């Protein structure tokens, strides 16, 4: 196999994780909105937990993106 083709295939495989991140963020924020609409008095606690979880899930997306870019441009 051509090394350039292998780099592109590896970069594409590394980005597959972004589909899971998108689905996870959608489910998380829909649940957050539903929880706030059910109990508006707990909005402060729910928002802080929601943004913490957002940061953790988004770190997976950043890691996948960095791995893909390293495969494409460094290796």
N, C-alpha and C. Protein backbone atom coordinates (compact mmCIF):
# COMPACT_ATOMS: atom_id res chain seq x y z
N UNK A 1 0.85 -1.18 0.00
CA UNK A 1 0.00 0.00 0.00
C UNK A 1 0.89 1.24 0.00
N UNK A 2 0.45 2.24 -0.69
CA UNK A 2 1.16 3.51 -0.77
C UNK A 2 1.14 4.19 0.60
N UNK A 3 2.29 4.69 1.10
CA UNK A 3 2.31 5.33 2.41
C UNK A 3 1.40 6.56 2.51
N UNK A 4 1.26 7.29 1.45
CA UNK A 4 0.38 8.47 1.48
C UNK A 4 -1.07 8.04 1.64
N UNK A 5 -1.46 6.98 0.95
CA UNK A 5 -2.83 6.47 1.09
C UNK A 5 -3.07 5.95 2.50
N UNK A 6 -2.07 5.32 3.09
CA UNK A 6 -2.21 4.82 4.45
C UNK A 6 -2.38 5.97 5.44
N UNK A 7 -1.69 7.09 5.20
CA UNK A 7 -1.86 8.26 6.07
C UNK A 7 -3.28 8.80 6.01
N UNK A 8 -3.83 8.87 4.79
CA UNK A 8 -5.19 9.38 4.65
C UNK A 8 -6.22 8.44 5.27
N UNK A 9 -6.01 7.15 5.10
CA UNK A 9 -6.93 6.18 5.70
C UNK A 9 -6.85 6.25 7.22
N UNK A 10 -5.64 6.35 7.77
CA UNK A 10 -5.48 6.46 9.21
C UNK A 10 -6.09 7.73 9.77
N UNK A 11 -5.94 8.83 9.05
CA UNK A 11 -6.56 10.08 9.49
C UNK A 11 -8.07 10.00 9.48
N UNK A 12 -8.63 9.34 8.46
CA UNK A 12 -10.08 9.15 8.41
C UNK A 12 -10.59 8.26 9.52
N UNK A 13 -9.85 7.23 9.84
CA UNK A 13 -10.25 6.34 10.93
C UNK A 13 -10.17 7.07 12.27
N UNK A 14 -9.18 7.94 12.43
CA UNK A 14 -9.05 8.67 13.69
C UNK A 14 -10.20 9.63 13.92
N UNK A 15 -10.82 10.10 12.85
CA UNK A 15 -11.89 11.08 12.98
C UNK A 15 -13.25 10.43 13.20
N UNK A 16 -13.33 9.12 13.13
CA UNK A 16 -14.60 8.42 13.37
C UNK A 16 -15.12 8.71 14.77
N UNK A 17 -14.23 8.98 15.71
CA UNK A 17 -14.65 9.29 17.08
C UNK A 17 -15.50 10.55 17.14
N UNK A 18 -15.39 11.43 16.16
CA UNK A 18 -16.16 12.67 16.18
C UNK A 18 -17.66 12.42 16.02
N UNK A 19 -18.04 11.33 15.38
CA UNK A 19 -19.47 11.00 15.29
C UNK A 19 -20.03 10.72 16.68
N UNK A 20 -19.30 9.97 17.48
CA UNK A 20 -19.73 9.68 18.84
C UNK A 20 -19.78 10.92 19.70
N UNK A 21 -18.82 11.82 19.49
CA UNK A 21 -18.81 13.07 20.25
C UNK A 21 -20.04 13.90 19.91
N UNK A 22 -20.38 13.99 18.64
CA UNK A 22 -21.55 14.76 18.23
C UNK A 22 -22.84 14.20 18.81
N UNK A 23 -22.97 12.88 18.77
CA UNK A 23 -24.16 12.24 19.33
C UNK A 23 -24.21 12.45 20.85
N UNK A 24 -23.07 12.29 21.50
CA UNK A 24 -23.02 12.46 22.95
C UNK A 24 -23.34 13.87 23.39
N UNK A 25 -22.82 14.86 22.68
CA UNK A 25 -23.11 16.24 23.03
C UNK A 25 -24.59 16.57 22.81
N UNK A 26 -25.16 16.06 21.74
CA UNK A 26 -26.58 16.28 21.50
C UNK A 26 -27.45 15.69 22.59
N UNK A 27 -27.15 14.46 22.98
CA UNK A 27 -27.92 13.83 24.05
C UNK A 27 -27.72 14.54 25.37
N UNK A 28 -26.49 14.97 25.64
CA UNK A 28 -26.20 15.61 26.91
C UNK A 28 -26.95 16.94 27.04
N UNK A 29 -26.90 17.77 26.00
CA UNK A 29 -27.56 19.06 26.09
C UNK A 29 -29.07 18.94 26.03
N UNK A 30 -29.59 17.94 25.33
CA UNK A 30 -31.05 17.76 25.35
C UNK A 30 -31.50 17.33 26.74
N UNK A 31 -30.73 16.49 27.39
CA UNK A 31 -31.07 16.09 28.76
C UNK A 31 -30.92 17.26 29.72
N UNK A 32 -29.92 18.10 29.49
CA UNK A 32 -29.71 19.27 30.35
C UNK A 32 -30.89 20.24 30.23
N UNK A 33 -31.33 20.49 29.01
CA UNK A 33 -32.47 21.39 28.81
C UNK A 33 -33.74 20.81 29.43
N UNK A 34 -33.91 19.51 29.28
CA UNK A 34 -35.09 18.87 29.88
C UNK A 34 -35.04 18.95 31.40
N UNK A 35 -33.87 18.72 31.99
CA UNK A 35 -33.75 18.77 33.44
C UNK A 35 -33.98 20.18 33.96
N UNK A 36 -33.49 21.18 33.26
CA UNK A 36 -33.70 22.56 33.70
C UNK A 36 -35.17 22.95 33.56
N UNK A 37 -35.83 22.47 32.51
CA UNK A 37 -37.24 22.80 32.36
C UNK A 37 -38.10 22.11 33.41
N UNK A 38 -37.66 20.97 33.91
CA UNK A 38 -38.41 20.28 34.96
C UNK A 38 -38.17 20.89 36.34
N UNK A 39 -36.95 21.40 36.56
CA UNK A 39 -36.61 21.94 37.87
C UNK A 39 -35.77 23.21 37.69
N UNK A 40 -36.41 24.34 37.44
CA UNK A 40 -35.66 25.57 37.18
C UNK A 40 -34.82 26.06 38.37
N UNK A 41 -35.18 25.66 39.57
CA UNK A 41 -34.42 26.13 40.74
C UNK A 41 -33.03 25.49 40.81
N UNK A 42 -32.83 24.38 40.14
CA UNK A 42 -31.53 23.70 40.15
C UNK A 42 -30.68 24.08 38.95
N UNK A 43 -31.01 25.18 38.30
CA UNK A 43 -30.32 25.55 37.07
C UNK A 43 -28.83 25.76 37.28
N UNK A 44 -28.45 26.41 38.37
CA UNK A 44 -27.03 26.71 38.62
C UNK A 44 -26.21 25.42 38.74
N UNK A 45 -26.70 24.48 39.51
CA UNK A 45 -25.98 23.21 39.69
C UNK A 45 -25.94 22.41 38.39
N UNK A 46 -27.05 22.39 37.68
CA UNK A 46 -27.11 21.63 36.44
C UNK A 46 -26.20 22.22 35.37
N UNK A 47 -26.15 23.55 35.29
CA UNK A 47 -25.30 24.19 34.28
C UNK A 47 -23.83 23.93 34.54
N UNK A 48 -23.41 23.99 35.79
CA UNK A 48 -22.00 23.75 36.09
C UNK A 48 -21.62 22.30 35.77
N UNK A 49 -22.49 21.37 36.11
CA UNK A 49 -22.23 19.97 35.78
C UNK A 49 -22.26 19.76 34.27
N UNK A 50 -23.20 20.41 33.59
CA UNK A 50 -23.30 20.27 32.14
C UNK A 50 -22.07 20.78 31.42
N UNK A 51 -21.56 21.93 31.85
CA UNK A 51 -20.38 22.47 31.18
C UNK A 51 -19.12 21.67 31.50
N UNK A 52 -19.07 21.08 32.69
CA UNK A 52 -17.94 20.20 33.01
C UNK A 52 -17.96 18.96 32.11
N UNK A 53 -19.14 18.37 31.95
CA UNK A 53 -19.26 17.20 31.07
C UNK A 53 -18.99 17.58 29.62
N UNK A 54 -19.43 18.78 29.22
CA UNK A 54 -19.15 19.25 27.86
C UNK A 54 -17.66 19.31 27.61
N UNK A 55 -16.91 19.83 28.59
CA UNK A 55 -15.46 19.94 28.44
C UNK A 55 -14.81 18.57 28.33
N UNK A 56 -15.31 17.61 29.09
CA UNK A 56 -14.73 16.27 29.05
C UNK A 56 -15.01 15.58 27.72
N UNK A 57 -16.23 15.73 27.21
CA UNK A 57 -16.57 15.11 25.94
C UNK A 57 -15.83 15.81 24.80
N UNK A 58 -15.72 17.12 24.88
CA UNK A 58 -15.05 17.87 23.82
C UNK A 58 -13.55 17.55 23.79
N UNK A 59 -12.98 17.15 24.94
CA UNK A 59 -11.57 16.78 24.94
C UNK A 59 -11.32 15.54 24.09
N UNK A 60 -12.30 14.65 24.02
CA UNK A 60 -12.18 13.48 23.15
C UNK A 60 -12.14 13.93 21.69
N UNK A 61 -12.96 14.93 21.35
CA UNK A 61 -12.96 15.44 19.98
C UNK A 61 -11.62 16.09 19.65
N UNK A 62 -11.08 16.85 20.57
CA UNK A 62 -9.78 17.48 20.34
C UNK A 62 -8.68 16.44 20.19
N UNK A 63 -8.73 15.40 21.01
CA UNK A 63 -7.73 14.35 20.91
C UNK A 63 -7.82 13.64 19.56
N UNK A 64 -9.03 13.34 19.11
CA UNK A 64 -9.19 12.69 17.80
C UNK A 64 -8.69 13.59 16.68
N UNK A 65 -8.98 14.88 16.78
CA UNK A 65 -8.52 15.82 15.76
C UNK A 65 -7.00 15.93 15.74
N UNK A 66 -6.38 15.97 16.91
CA UNK A 66 -4.92 16.06 16.99
C UNK A 66 -4.26 14.80 16.44
N UNK A 67 -4.83 13.65 16.76
CA UNK A 67 -4.28 12.39 16.23
C UNK A 67 -4.39 12.37 14.72
N UNK A 68 -5.52 12.81 14.18
CA UNK A 68 -5.69 12.83 12.72
C UNK A 68 -4.69 13.79 12.07
N UNK A 69 -4.50 14.96 12.65
CA UNK A 69 -3.57 15.92 12.07
C UNK A 69 -2.13 15.41 12.17
N UNK A 70 -1.80 14.76 13.28
CA UNK A 70 -0.44 14.19 13.40
C UNK A 70 -0.21 13.09 12.37
N UNK A 71 -1.23 12.28 12.14
CA UNK A 71 -1.09 11.23 11.13
C UNK A 71 -0.93 11.82 9.73
N UNK A 72 -1.63 12.90 9.46
CA UNK A 72 -1.59 13.47 8.12
C UNK A 72 -0.33 14.30 7.85
N UNK A 73 0.13 15.03 8.85
CA UNK A 73 1.20 15.99 8.59
C UNK A 73 2.55 15.68 9.24
N UNK A 74 2.57 14.87 10.29
CA UNK A 74 3.83 14.64 10.99
C UNK A 74 4.47 13.32 10.57
N UNK A 75 3.68 12.29 10.51
CA UNK A 75 4.23 10.96 10.21
C UNK A 75 4.57 10.86 8.75
